[in-house]
N, C-alpha and C. Protein backbone atom coordinates (compact mmCIF):
# COMPACT_ATOMS: atom_id res chain seq x y z
N MET A 1 4.60 7.01 -8.74
CA MET A 1 5.10 5.77 -9.10
C MET A 1 4.84 5.57 -10.04
N PHE A 2 3.41 6.01 -11.29
CA PHE A 2 2.79 5.78 -11.86
C PHE A 2 3.93 6.74 -13.23
N LYS A 3 4.98 7.05 -13.16
CA LYS A 3 5.70 6.72 -13.79
C LYS A 3 6.69 6.05 -14.30
N LYS A 4 6.93 5.70 -13.54
CA LYS A 4 7.77 4.18 -13.20
C LYS A 4 6.89 3.02 -14.20
N TYR A 5 5.79 2.48 -13.96
CA TYR A 5 4.96 1.73 -13.59
C TYR A 5 3.99 2.02 -14.98
N SER A 6 3.49 1.29 -15.46
CA SER A 6 2.64 1.71 -17.02
C SER A 6 1.34 1.30 -16.25
N ARG A 7 1.21 0.25 -15.24
CA ARG A 7 -0.16 -0.36 -14.67
C ARG A 7 0.02 -0.74 -12.92
N VAL A 8 -0.34 -1.49 -12.03
CA VAL A 8 0.03 -1.85 -10.86
C VAL A 8 -1.34 -2.47 -10.40
N GLU A 9 -1.00 -3.72 -10.01
CA GLU A 9 -1.75 -4.59 -9.19
C GLU A 9 -2.15 -4.11 -8.18
N VAL A 10 -3.06 -3.92 -6.99
CA VAL A 10 -3.28 -3.69 -5.70
C VAL A 10 -4.29 -4.94 -4.88
N ALA A 11 -3.36 -4.95 -3.83
CA ALA A 11 -4.06 -6.34 -2.86
C ALA A 11 -4.37 -5.38 -1.35
N ARG A 12 -5.10 -5.55 -0.68
CA ARG A 12 -5.32 -5.19 0.52
C ARG A 12 -5.61 -6.52 1.62
N ILE A 13 -4.79 -6.77 2.69
CA ILE A 13 -5.18 -7.74 3.59
C ILE A 13 -5.05 -6.83 5.10
N ASP A 14 -5.81 -7.22 5.73
CA ASP A 14 -5.59 -6.91 7.24
C ASP A 14 -5.22 -7.84 7.94
N LEU A 15 -4.00 -7.69 8.97
CA LEU A 15 -3.38 -8.57 9.76
C LEU A 15 -3.79 -8.11 11.10
N LYS A 16 -4.98 -9.11 11.50
CA LYS A 16 -5.29 -9.28 13.11
C LYS A 16 -4.89 -10.22 13.73
N TYR A 17 -6.08 -10.51 14.90
CA TYR A 17 -5.82 -11.76 15.86
C TYR A 17 -6.92 -12.52 15.92
N GLN A 18 -6.65 -13.89 16.44
CA GLN A 18 -8.00 -14.37 16.82
C GLN A 18 -8.33 -14.30 18.25
N ASN A 19 -9.87 -14.09 18.30
CA ASN A 19 -10.31 -13.67 19.31
C ASN A 19 -9.84 -13.79 20.61
N SER A 20 -9.58 -15.44 21.30
CA SER A 20 -9.19 -16.03 22.44
C SER A 20 -7.48 -15.40 22.53
N PHE A 21 -6.97 -14.89 21.38
CA PHE A 21 -5.61 -13.97 22.10
C PHE A 21 -5.72 -12.76 22.20
N LYS A 22 -6.74 -11.74 22.12
CA LYS A 22 -7.00 -10.47 21.94
C LYS A 22 -6.79 -10.08 23.30
N ALA A 23 -7.32 -10.09 24.14
CA ALA A 23 -7.21 -10.07 25.41
C ALA A 23 -5.72 -10.12 26.40
N GLU A 24 -4.97 -10.91 25.52
CA GLU A 24 -3.37 -10.78 26.59
C GLU A 24 -2.44 -10.15 25.11
N LEU A 25 -3.48 -9.41 24.25
CA LEU A 25 -1.99 -8.53 22.99
C LEU A 25 -1.45 -7.56 23.92
N THR A 26 -0.03 -7.16 24.03
CA THR A 26 0.49 -6.21 24.43
C THR A 26 1.13 -5.09 23.18
N LEU A 27 1.41 -4.24 22.93
CA LEU A 27 1.93 -3.34 22.09
C LEU A 27 3.18 -3.84 21.35
N SER A 28 4.14 -4.19 22.09
CA SER A 28 5.53 -4.37 21.91
C SER A 28 5.43 -5.68 21.16
N GLN A 29 4.75 -6.60 21.64
CA GLN A 29 4.19 -8.40 21.05
C GLN A 29 3.50 -7.93 19.75
N VAL A 30 3.19 -7.07 19.39
CA VAL A 30 2.15 -6.90 18.16
C VAL A 30 3.06 -6.15 17.28
N ARG A 31 4.03 -5.53 17.57
CA ARG A 31 4.91 -4.64 16.53
C ARG A 31 6.29 -5.87 16.59
N GLU A 32 6.46 -7.03 17.32
CA GLU A 32 7.50 -7.95 17.29
C GLU A 32 7.11 -8.86 15.61
N ASP A 33 5.19 -9.28 16.33
CA ASP A 33 4.66 -10.21 14.97
C ASP A 33 5.08 -9.22 13.96
N PHE A 34 4.81 -8.01 13.57
CA PHE A 34 4.87 -7.53 12.21
C PHE A 34 6.39 -7.46 11.78
N ARG A 35 7.28 -7.28 12.78
CA ARG A 35 8.81 -6.96 12.13
C ARG A 35 9.12 -8.23 11.69
N ARG A 36 8.92 -9.37 12.26
CA ARG A 36 8.58 -10.54 11.66
C ARG A 36 8.53 -11.42 9.99
N LEU A 37 7.14 -10.88 9.96
CA LEU A 37 6.80 -10.94 8.78
C LEU A 37 7.51 -10.10 8.01
N TRP A 38 7.05 -8.68 7.91
CA TRP A 38 7.73 -7.45 7.35
C TRP A 38 9.36 -7.44 6.43
N ASN A 39 10.46 -7.85 7.83
CA ASN A 39 11.35 -7.83 7.25
C ASN A 39 11.85 -9.09 6.73
N GLY A 40 11.13 -10.16 6.29
CA GLY A 40 11.28 -11.62 5.56
C GLY A 40 11.44 -11.07 4.10
N ARG A 41 10.68 -10.10 4.17
CA ARG A 41 9.99 -9.73 2.70
C ARG A 41 10.88 -9.65 1.56
N HIS A 42 11.96 -9.41 1.53
CA HIS A 42 12.85 -9.33 0.05
C HIS A 42 13.37 -10.81 0.19
N LYS A 43 13.48 -11.83 0.83
CA LYS A 43 13.29 -13.33 0.83
C LYS A 43 12.66 -14.25 0.20
N ASN A 44 11.31 -13.39 0.15
CA ASN A 44 9.74 -14.04 -0.29
C ASN A 44 9.56 -14.04 -2.00
N ARG A 45 9.55 -14.69 -2.29
CA ARG A 45 9.32 -14.85 -3.95
C ARG A 45 7.79 -14.07 -4.04
N ARG A 46 6.84 -14.63 -3.37
CA ARG A 46 5.68 -13.73 -3.73
C ARG A 46 5.84 -12.66 -3.62
N LEU A 47 6.87 -11.65 -2.79
CA LEU A 47 6.86 -10.29 -3.08
C LEU A 47 7.67 -9.73 -4.12
N LYS A 48 8.66 -10.18 -4.85
CA LYS A 48 9.67 -10.17 -5.52
C LYS A 48 9.19 -9.07 -6.67
N ASP A 49 8.01 -9.14 -6.86
CA ASP A 49 7.40 -7.65 -8.08
C ASP A 49 6.33 -7.17 -7.25
N LEU A 50 6.76 -6.52 -5.84
CA LEU A 50 6.39 -5.93 -5.19
C LEU A 50 7.01 -4.46 -5.42
N ALA A 51 6.01 -3.51 -5.98
CA ALA A 51 6.16 -1.95 -6.52
C ALA A 51 6.39 -0.76 -5.79
N GLY A 52 5.67 -1.15 -4.10
CA GLY A 52 5.12 -0.42 -3.22
C GLY A 52 4.52 -0.92 -1.95
N TYR A 53 4.24 -0.43 -0.74
CA TYR A 53 3.64 -0.67 0.35
C TYR A 53 3.19 0.77 0.64
N MET A 54 2.23 0.15 1.20
CA MET A 54 1.50 1.54 2.80
C MET A 54 1.10 0.35 4.05
N TRP A 55 1.30 0.24 5.25
CA TRP A 55 1.15 -0.27 6.41
C TRP A 55 0.48 0.41 7.42
N SER A 56 -0.75 0.68 8.33
CA SER A 56 -0.62 1.17 9.43
C SER A 56 -1.35 0.24 10.31
N LEU A 57 -0.84 1.00 11.81
CA LEU A 57 -1.02 -0.20 12.88
C LEU A 57 -2.51 0.38 13.44
N GLU A 58 -3.47 0.05 14.05
CA GLU A 58 -4.37 0.65 14.74
C GLU A 58 -4.71 -0.06 16.01
N TYR A 59 -5.86 0.22 16.68
CA TYR A 59 -6.19 -0.14 17.40
C TYR A 59 -7.74 -0.16 17.95
N THR A 60 -9.08 -0.96 18.51
CA THR A 60 -10.19 -0.32 18.27
C THR A 60 -10.43 -1.48 19.12
N ASP A 61 -12.02 -0.99 20.20
CA ASP A 61 -12.35 -1.96 21.34
C ASP A 61 -12.55 -3.23 20.52
N LEU A 62 -13.06 -3.72 19.28
CA LEU A 62 -13.53 -4.73 18.72
C LEU A 62 -12.16 -5.92 18.32
N GLU A 63 -11.42 -4.98 17.71
CA GLU A 63 -10.49 -5.89 16.87
C GLU A 63 -8.92 -5.81 17.87
N ARG A 64 -8.95 -4.73 18.67
CA ARG A 64 -7.82 -4.78 19.35
C ARG A 64 -6.63 -4.08 18.39
N PHE A 65 -5.53 -4.80 18.92
CA PHE A 65 -4.40 -4.37 17.76
C PHE A 65 -4.50 -4.86 16.61
N HIS A 66 -4.64 -4.31 15.44
CA HIS A 66 -4.15 -4.91 13.98
C HIS A 66 -3.58 -4.54 12.87
N TYR A 67 -3.33 -4.34 12.20
CA TYR A 67 -2.52 -3.52 10.83
C TYR A 67 -3.65 -3.78 9.52
N HIS A 68 -3.30 -2.76 8.80
CA HIS A 68 -3.74 -2.65 7.26
C HIS A 68 -2.56 -2.53 6.34
N LEU A 69 -3.03 -3.64 5.45
CA LEU A 69 -1.67 -3.51 4.66
C LEU A 69 -2.12 -3.51 3.01
N ILE A 70 -1.28 -2.48 2.32
CA ILE A 70 -1.81 -2.23 1.14
C ILE A 70 -0.38 -2.47 0.21
N LEU A 71 -0.93 -3.61 -0.35
CA LEU A 71 0.71 -3.80 -1.59
C LEU A 71 0.59 -3.86 -2.58
N LEU A 72 1.50 -2.62 -3.78
CA LEU A 72 1.58 -2.63 -4.88
C LEU A 72 2.18 -3.18 -5.83
N PHE A 73 1.98 -4.24 -6.50
CA PHE A 73 3.09 -4.62 -7.43
C PHE A 73 2.56 -4.57 -8.99
N ASP A 74 4.24 -4.68 -9.17
CA ASP A 74 4.40 -4.69 -10.78
C ASP A 74 3.62 -5.22 -12.25
N GLY A 75 2.61 -4.35 -12.25
CA GLY A 75 1.51 -4.77 -13.13
C GLY A 75 1.96 -5.60 -14.67
N SER A 76 3.06 -5.33 -15.41
CA SER A 76 3.68 -6.07 -16.16
C SER A 76 4.23 -7.43 -15.84
N GLN A 77 4.41 -8.01 -14.35
CA GLN A 77 4.48 -9.17 -14.01
C GLN A 77 3.78 -10.13 -13.61
N ILE A 78 2.33 -9.65 -12.71
CA ILE A 78 1.51 -9.85 -12.61
C ILE A 78 0.31 -9.88 -12.46
N LYS A 79 -0.57 -10.64 -12.54
CA LYS A 79 -1.75 -9.95 -12.77
C LYS A 79 -3.00 -11.02 -11.55
N ASP A 80 -1.94 -11.39 -10.47
CA ASP A 80 -2.56 -12.01 -9.07
C ASP A 80 -2.64 -11.35 -8.12
N PRO A 81 -3.05 -10.52 -7.71
CA PRO A 81 -2.69 -9.36 -6.75
C PRO A 81 -3.46 -10.06 -5.34
N TYR A 82 -4.90 -10.67 -5.69
CA TYR A 82 -5.14 -11.24 -4.48
C TYR A 82 -4.45 -12.41 -3.76
N TYR A 83 -4.05 -13.50 -5.09
CA TYR A 83 -3.36 -14.36 -4.43
C TYR A 83 -2.27 -13.94 -3.78
N ARG A 84 -1.42 -13.20 -3.92
CA ARG A 84 -0.02 -12.82 -3.68
C ARG A 84 -0.64 -12.37 -1.98
N GLY A 85 -1.61 -11.60 -2.14
CA GLY A 85 -2.25 -11.43 -0.44
C GLY A 85 -2.79 -12.48 0.43
N LEU A 86 -3.12 -13.62 -0.24
CA LEU A 86 -3.16 -14.89 0.58
C LEU A 86 -1.78 -14.98 1.03
N LYS A 87 -0.99 -15.32 0.13
CA LYS A 87 0.59 -15.87 0.54
C LYS A 87 0.68 -15.07 1.76
N VAL A 88 0.46 -13.70 1.76
CA VAL A 88 1.33 -12.97 3.09
C VAL A 88 0.42 -13.40 3.83
N GLY A 89 -0.44 -13.49 4.05
CA GLY A 89 -1.78 -13.63 5.01
C GLY A 89 -1.44 -15.02 5.65
N GLN A 90 -1.19 -15.71 5.44
CA GLN A 90 -0.82 -17.18 5.40
C GLN A 90 0.20 -17.30 6.23
N ARG A 91 1.25 -16.11 5.99
CA ARG A 91 2.68 -16.23 6.64
C ARG A 91 2.68 -15.96 7.91
N TRP A 92 1.18 -14.46 7.64
CA TRP A 92 1.42 -13.46 9.29
C TRP A 92 0.98 -14.65 10.53
N VAL A 93 0.09 -15.52 9.78
CA VAL A 93 -0.80 -16.24 10.41
C VAL A 93 0.64 -17.96 11.25
N GLU A 94 1.07 -18.31 10.20
CA GLU A 94 1.79 -19.17 10.49
C GLU A 94 3.30 -19.08 11.62
N ARG A 95 3.86 -18.32 10.35
CA ARG A 95 5.19 -17.58 10.76
C ARG A 95 5.30 -16.79 11.94
N ALA A 96 4.97 -15.58 11.23
CA ALA A 96 4.87 -14.37 12.33
C ALA A 96 4.71 -14.38 13.39
N THR A 97 2.84 -15.02 13.84
CA THR A 97 2.57 -15.42 15.10
C THR A 97 2.39 -16.14 15.84
N LYS A 98 2.79 -17.23 15.02
CA LYS A 98 2.72 -18.77 15.47
C LYS A 98 1.13 -19.12 16.09
N GLY A 99 0.74 -19.23 15.02
CA GLY A 99 -0.84 -19.43 14.90
C GLY A 99 -1.96 -18.92 15.70
N ARG A 100 -0.90 -17.83 16.03
CA ARG A 100 -2.42 -17.19 17.04
C ARG A 100 -3.01 -15.89 16.33
N GLY A 101 -2.50 -15.68 14.94
CA GLY A 101 -3.32 -14.45 14.06
C GLY A 101 -4.17 -14.69 13.03
N ASP A 102 -4.62 -13.99 12.67
CA ASP A 102 -6.64 -14.22 11.68
C ASP A 102 -5.80 -13.03 10.41
N VAL A 103 -6.52 -13.19 9.46
CA VAL A 103 -6.35 -12.34 8.35
C VAL A 103 -7.80 -12.08 7.65
N HIS A 104 -8.05 -10.96 7.31
CA HIS A 104 -8.70 -10.54 6.32
C HIS A 104 -8.41 -10.19 5.36
N HIS A 105 -9.10 -11.02 3.90
CA HIS A 105 -8.48 -10.73 2.87
C HIS A 105 -9.73 -9.60 2.00
N CYS A 106 -9.12 -8.53 1.72
CA CYS A 106 -10.41 -7.53 0.96
C CYS A 106 -9.99 -7.91 -0.36
N ARG A 107 -11.51 -7.77 -1.17
CA ARG A 107 -11.91 -8.49 -2.31
C ARG A 107 -12.07 -7.38 -3.55
N GLU A 108 -11.49 -7.76 -4.50
CA GLU A 108 -11.94 -6.24 -5.36
C GLU A 108 -13.51 -6.42 -5.68
N SER A 109 -14.37 -7.33 -5.60
CA SER A 109 -15.57 -7.39 -6.10
C SER A 109 -16.40 -6.37 -4.83
N ASP A 110 -15.92 -5.99 -3.66
CA ASP A 110 -16.31 -5.28 -2.69
C ASP A 110 -16.17 -3.88 -3.12
N TYR A 111 -17.84 -3.62 -2.54
CA TYR A 111 -17.66 -1.94 -3.22
C TYR A 111 -16.96 -1.56 -2.21
N ARG A 112 -16.56 -1.39 -1.19
CA ARG A 112 -15.76 -0.75 -0.16
C ARG A 112 -13.97 -0.48 -0.60
N TYR A 113 -13.79 -1.44 -1.84
CA TYR A 113 -12.65 -1.55 -1.85
C TYR A 113 -12.29 -1.07 -3.10
N PRO A 114 -13.05 -0.19 -4.24
CA PRO A 114 -12.88 0.31 -5.75
C PRO A 114 -11.84 0.04 -6.14
N TYR A 115 -10.63 0.68 -5.10
CA TYR A 115 -8.65 0.72 -5.98
C TYR A 115 -8.18 -0.50 -6.14
N LEU A 116 -8.97 -1.95 -5.56
CA LEU A 116 -8.21 -3.30 -5.97
C LEU A 116 -8.06 -3.67 -7.19
N GLY A 117 -6.78 -4.57 -7.44
CA GLY A 117 -6.69 -5.16 -9.02
C GLY A 117 -6.21 -4.31 -9.64
N ARG A 118 -6.30 -4.13 -11.03
CA ARG A 118 -5.92 -3.22 -11.84
C ARG A 118 -6.00 -2.02 -11.86
N ILE A 119 -4.35 -1.29 -12.24
CA ILE A 119 -4.92 0.51 -12.25
C ILE A 119 -3.58 0.79 -12.99
N ASP A 120 -4.26 1.16 -14.45
CA ASP A 120 -3.06 1.75 -15.62
C ASP A 120 -3.12 3.16 -14.97
N ALA A 121 -1.64 3.27 -15.52
CA ALA A 121 -1.62 4.92 -15.50
C ALA A 121 -2.36 5.49 -16.01
N ILE A 122 -3.02 5.71 -17.08
CA ILE A 122 -3.87 6.54 -17.55
C ILE A 122 -5.22 6.59 -17.09
N ASP A 123 -5.34 5.61 -15.71
CA ASP A 123 -6.73 5.74 -15.63
C ASP A 123 -6.82 6.35 -14.48
N VAL A 124 -6.94 7.49 -14.29
CA VAL A 124 -7.09 8.96 -13.37
C VAL A 124 -8.40 8.57 -12.16
N GLU A 125 -9.11 8.52 -12.79
CA GLU A 125 -10.14 8.00 -12.04
C GLU A 125 -10.21 6.77 -10.71
N LYS A 126 -9.20 5.74 -10.87
CA LYS A 126 -9.35 4.69 -10.07
C LYS A 126 -7.73 5.18 -9.40
N ARG A 127 -7.10 6.22 -9.93
CA ARG A 127 -5.35 6.23 -9.22
C ARG A 127 -6.05 7.38 -8.44
N GLU A 128 -6.64 7.57 -8.20
CA GLU A 128 -7.68 8.93 -7.67
C GLU A 128 -8.20 8.62 -5.88
N CYS A 129 -8.89 7.41 -6.92
CA CYS A 129 -9.79 6.38 -6.06
C CYS A 129 -8.95 5.26 -4.81
N LEU A 130 -7.66 5.13 -5.34
CA LEU A 130 -6.29 4.44 -4.74
C LEU A 130 -6.13 5.50 -3.34
N LEU A 131 -5.78 6.96 -4.12
CA LEU A 131 -5.26 7.73 -3.00
C LEU A 131 -6.57 8.17 -2.08
N ARG A 132 -7.71 7.75 -2.62
CA ARG A 132 -8.90 8.72 -1.21
C ARG A 132 -9.77 7.69 -0.57
N ARG A 133 -9.25 6.53 -1.49
CA ARG A 133 -10.40 5.47 -0.22
C ARG A 133 -9.28 4.65 0.30
N GLY A 134 -8.40 4.76 -0.06
CA GLY A 134 -6.93 3.74 0.20
C GLY A 134 -6.12 4.21 0.92
N VAL A 135 -5.09 4.69 0.20
CA VAL A 135 -4.26 5.58 1.88
C VAL A 135 -5.29 7.02 2.19
N GLU A 136 -5.90 7.68 2.39
CA GLU A 136 -6.61 8.25 3.33
C GLU A 136 -7.16 7.86 4.57
N TYR A 137 -7.39 6.39 3.86
CA TYR A 137 -8.51 5.46 4.92
C TYR A 137 -7.15 5.34 5.94
N LEU A 138 -5.84 4.80 5.95
CA LEU A 138 -4.89 4.21 6.40
C LEU A 138 -4.20 5.29 7.45
N THR A 139 -4.44 6.45 6.72
CA THR A 139 -3.82 7.58 7.84
C THR A 139 -4.63 8.51 8.52
N LYS A 140 -6.15 8.13 8.22
CA LYS A 140 -7.14 8.77 9.00
C LYS A 140 -6.58 8.66 10.24
N CYS A 141 -7.16 9.93 11.15
CA CYS A 141 -6.89 10.23 12.41
C CYS A 141 -7.49 9.46 13.86
N ASP A 142 -8.37 9.09 13.61
CA ASP A 142 -9.31 8.54 14.53
C ASP A 142 -9.28 7.67 15.04
N GLN A 143 -8.62 6.85 14.48
CA GLN A 143 -8.20 4.93 15.18
C GLN A 143 -6.75 4.82 15.16
N LEU A 144 -6.02 5.85 14.60
CA LEU A 144 -4.49 5.27 14.72
C LEU A 144 -4.51 5.60 16.31
N LEU A 145 -3.55 4.50 16.21
CA LEU A 145 -2.51 4.90 18.18
C LEU A 145 -2.42 6.30 18.72
N GLN A 146 -2.94 6.65 20.05
CA GLN A 146 -2.07 8.05 19.86
C GLN A 146 -1.54 7.96 21.15
N ILE A 147 -0.29 7.83 21.01
CA ILE A 147 1.07 7.08 22.29
C ILE A 147 1.93 8.35 22.24
N ASP A 148 1.72 9.54 23.58
CA ASP A 148 2.60 10.23 23.61
C ASP A 148 4.23 10.35 24.29
N LEU A 149 3.87 8.89 25.53
CA LEU A 149 5.10 9.00 25.85
C LEU A 149 6.03 8.10 25.02
N GLU A 150 5.45 7.08 24.09
CA GLU A 150 6.60 6.31 23.27
C GLU A 150 6.57 6.60 21.71
N ARG A 151 7.47 7.04 21.18
CA ARG A 151 7.40 7.07 20.33
C ARG A 151 7.38 5.97 19.00
N VAL A 152 6.23 5.85 18.52
CA VAL A 152 5.77 4.58 18.33
C VAL A 152 5.25 4.95 16.50
N GLN A 153 5.81 4.08 15.68
CA GLN A 153 5.47 4.43 14.32
C GLN A 153 4.06 3.59 13.89
N THR A 154 2.93 4.41 13.72
CA THR A 154 1.61 3.93 13.58
C THR A 154 1.74 3.41 11.64
N PHE A 155 2.14 4.06 10.76
CA PHE A 155 2.52 4.40 9.71
C PHE A 155 2.83 4.13 8.87
N GLY A 156 3.62 3.10 7.90
CA GLY A 156 4.68 3.38 6.83
C GLY A 156 4.44 3.05 5.58
N THR A 157 5.57 3.06 4.75
CA THR A 157 5.55 3.22 2.92
C THR A 157 6.69 3.15 2.79
N SER A 158 6.70 2.78 1.39
CA SER A 158 7.73 2.51 0.93
C SER A 158 8.84 3.80 0.22
N ALA A 159 9.75 3.90 -0.07
CA ALA A 159 10.17 4.74 -0.94
C ALA A 159 9.57 5.09 -2.24
N PHE A 160 9.07 6.57 -2.78
CA PHE A 160 8.68 6.57 -3.72
C PHE A 160 9.96 5.98 -4.99
N PRO A 161 9.17 5.11 -6.01
CA PRO A 161 10.16 5.26 -7.14
C PRO A 161 10.73 5.63 -7.78
N GLN A 162 11.63 5.49 -8.11
CA GLN A 162 12.55 6.61 -9.17
C GLN A 162 12.37 6.27 -10.91
N LYS A 163 11.82 7.02 -11.55
CA LYS A 163 11.93 6.70 -12.87
C LYS A 163 13.44 6.68 -13.70
N THR A 164 13.35 5.23 -14.43
CA THR A 164 14.29 4.81 -14.90
C THR A 164 14.97 5.77 -16.12
N THR A 165 13.75 5.48 -16.80
CA THR A 165 13.59 5.80 -18.45
C THR A 165 12.85 7.05 -18.98
N ASN A 166 12.73 8.25 -20.04
CA ASN A 166 12.11 8.00 -20.72
C ASN A 166 11.41 7.53 -21.52
N ALA A 167 12.14 6.60 -21.88
CA ALA A 167 11.66 5.74 -23.35
C ALA A 167 10.66 4.49 -23.02
N GLY A 168 9.78 4.25 -24.12
CA GLY A 168 9.01 3.67 -24.21
C GLY A 168 7.58 4.18 -24.12
N LYS A 169 6.15 3.62 -23.65
CA LYS A 169 4.78 4.05 -24.09
C LYS A 169 5.52 5.54 -22.91
N PRO A 170 4.21 6.29 -22.99
CA PRO A 170 3.62 7.32 -22.46
C PRO A 170 3.22 6.80 -21.01
N ARG A 171 3.35 7.47 -19.35
CA ARG A 171 2.81 7.17 -18.55
C ARG A 171 1.62 7.68 -18.06
N LEU A 172 1.65 9.50 -18.82
CA LEU A 172 0.39 9.80 -18.07
C LEU A 172 -0.64 9.93 -19.70
N PRO A 173 -1.59 10.20 -19.15
CA PRO A 173 -2.41 11.09 -20.16
C PRO A 173 -2.24 12.15 -20.69
N LYS A 174 -1.99 12.32 -22.21
CA LYS A 174 -1.53 13.52 -23.34
C LYS A 174 -1.96 14.84 -22.33
N GLY A 175 -2.61 15.08 -22.18
CA GLY A 175 -2.74 16.54 -21.31
C GLY A 175 -2.27 16.95 -20.02
N LEU A 176 -1.59 15.86 -19.57
CA LEU A 176 -1.27 16.19 -18.52
C LEU A 176 0.24 15.86 -18.26
N ARG A 177 1.39 15.51 -19.48
CA ARG A 177 1.93 15.55 -19.70
C ARG A 177 3.12 16.97 -19.76
N LYS A 178 4.45 16.78 -19.33
CA LYS A 178 5.03 18.24 -19.41
C LYS A 178 5.10 18.21 -20.88
N PRO A 179 5.53 19.62 -20.80
CA PRO A 179 5.26 20.00 -22.48
C PRO A 179 7.17 19.60 -23.27
N ARG A 180 7.28 18.80 -23.82
CA ARG A 180 8.17 18.95 -24.40
C ARG A 180 9.14 20.02 -24.75
N ARG A 181 10.78 20.47 -24.38
CA ARG A 181 11.45 21.43 -25.35
C ARG A 181 11.57 21.80 -26.28
N SER A 182 11.47 23.19 -26.43
CA SER A 182 11.33 23.63 -27.83
C SER A 182 11.74 24.77 -28.43
N SER A 183 12.76 25.10 -29.53
CA SER A 183 13.07 26.25 -29.63
C SER A 183 11.79 27.81 -29.52
N LYS A 184 10.71 26.74 -29.73
CA LYS A 184 9.52 28.39 -29.45
C LYS A 184 9.22 28.07 -28.01
N PRO A 185 8.88 29.43 -27.37
CA PRO A 185 7.97 29.63 -26.61
C PRO A 185 7.19 28.78 -26.15
N VAL A 186 6.92 27.62 -25.19
CA VAL A 186 5.62 26.98 -24.54
C VAL A 186 5.27 27.71 -23.53
N LYS A 187 3.91 27.34 -23.35
CA LYS A 187 3.12 27.83 -22.13
C LYS A 187 2.78 26.37 -21.31
N ALA A 188 3.87 26.71 -20.47
CA ALA A 188 3.62 25.57 -19.51
C ALA A 188 2.28 25.12 -18.61
N ARG A 189 1.93 23.92 -18.57
CA ARG A 189 0.68 23.54 -18.35
C ARG A 189 0.87 23.54 -16.36
N LYS A 190 0.17 23.96 -16.00
CA LYS A 190 0.07 23.77 -14.41
C LYS A 190 0.27 22.64 -14.24
N ASN A 191 0.95 22.44 -12.52
CA ASN A 191 1.33 20.55 -12.35
C ASN A 191 0.14 20.18 -11.78
N HIS A 192 0.11 18.88 -12.13
CA HIS A 192 -1.28 18.13 -11.41
C HIS A 192 -0.48 16.89 -10.63
N VAL A 193 -1.23 16.75 -9.47
CA VAL A 193 -0.85 15.88 -8.28
C VAL A 193 -1.73 14.59 -8.69
N LEU A 194 -1.87 12.99 -8.84
CA LEU A 194 -2.81 12.80 -9.22
C LEU A 194 -2.74 10.96 -8.03
N PHE A 195 -1.87 11.07 -7.70
CA PHE A 195 -1.37 10.25 -6.78
C PHE A 195 0.10 10.26 -5.71
N GLY A 196 -0.15 9.84 -5.05
CA GLY A 196 0.53 10.55 -3.13
C GLY A 196 0.33 11.85 -2.42
N THR A 197 0.56 12.18 -1.03
CA THR A 197 0.36 13.35 -0.47
C THR A 197 1.75 13.73 0.14
N ALA A 198 1.89 14.70 0.64
CA ALA A 198 3.08 14.87 1.08
C ALA A 198 3.32 14.15 1.82
N GLY A 199 4.78 13.65 1.98
CA GLY A 199 5.24 12.80 3.45
C GLY A 199 5.14 11.20 3.49
N LEU A 200 4.11 11.02 2.78
CA LEU A 200 3.59 9.82 2.29
C LEU A 200 4.36 8.89 1.56
N TRP A 201 5.22 9.15 0.26
CA TRP A 201 6.28 9.17 -0.05
C TRP A 201 7.49 9.52 0.19
N PRO A 202 8.17 9.01 1.10
CA PRO A 202 9.51 9.89 1.15
C PRO A 202 10.58 9.45 0.56
N GLN A 203 10.86 10.46 0.00
CA GLN A 203 12.07 10.56 -1.00
C GLN A 203 13.53 9.82 -0.68
């Protein structure tokens, strides 16, 4: 992703339900609500600068069925990911769940979410934080639905964006860029994976 975008703006929201409706929730109903929300994202002007996303469906005794959603926006176009997340949460409550839903908006100031807000391509530490504290949380095994009889998707992500050009400002720190071709023999550096794990960004 950071080969294409020099910076991204990150938001996270938790999509859940009001307490009075939790006991009657069914898996099919929850999945339909999320489908209603997410299938219309291409028509939502608040998401027109969306660069990528990740979501997971979980179940706990306290919250019952709920979704975690991480949104990654093109940082050259927006500087207000929290506001964009607010609008997605509003759509979840008012339209997708028809008033039955609830939402928790994660704040950048909360120590539990140090990966939120702006991430520059050269900020290796915060990129690693996004992977370790953001992506891996969504893919943890202890709360993901364990359904053997039904093939239910409990995690989803956007396709990895392809690099469109080599022109412009370098996206990686100098020490991590691939060496340029030369007539002289050059010793290549070992590849570094700074963001993404196998299977999370399908090609």
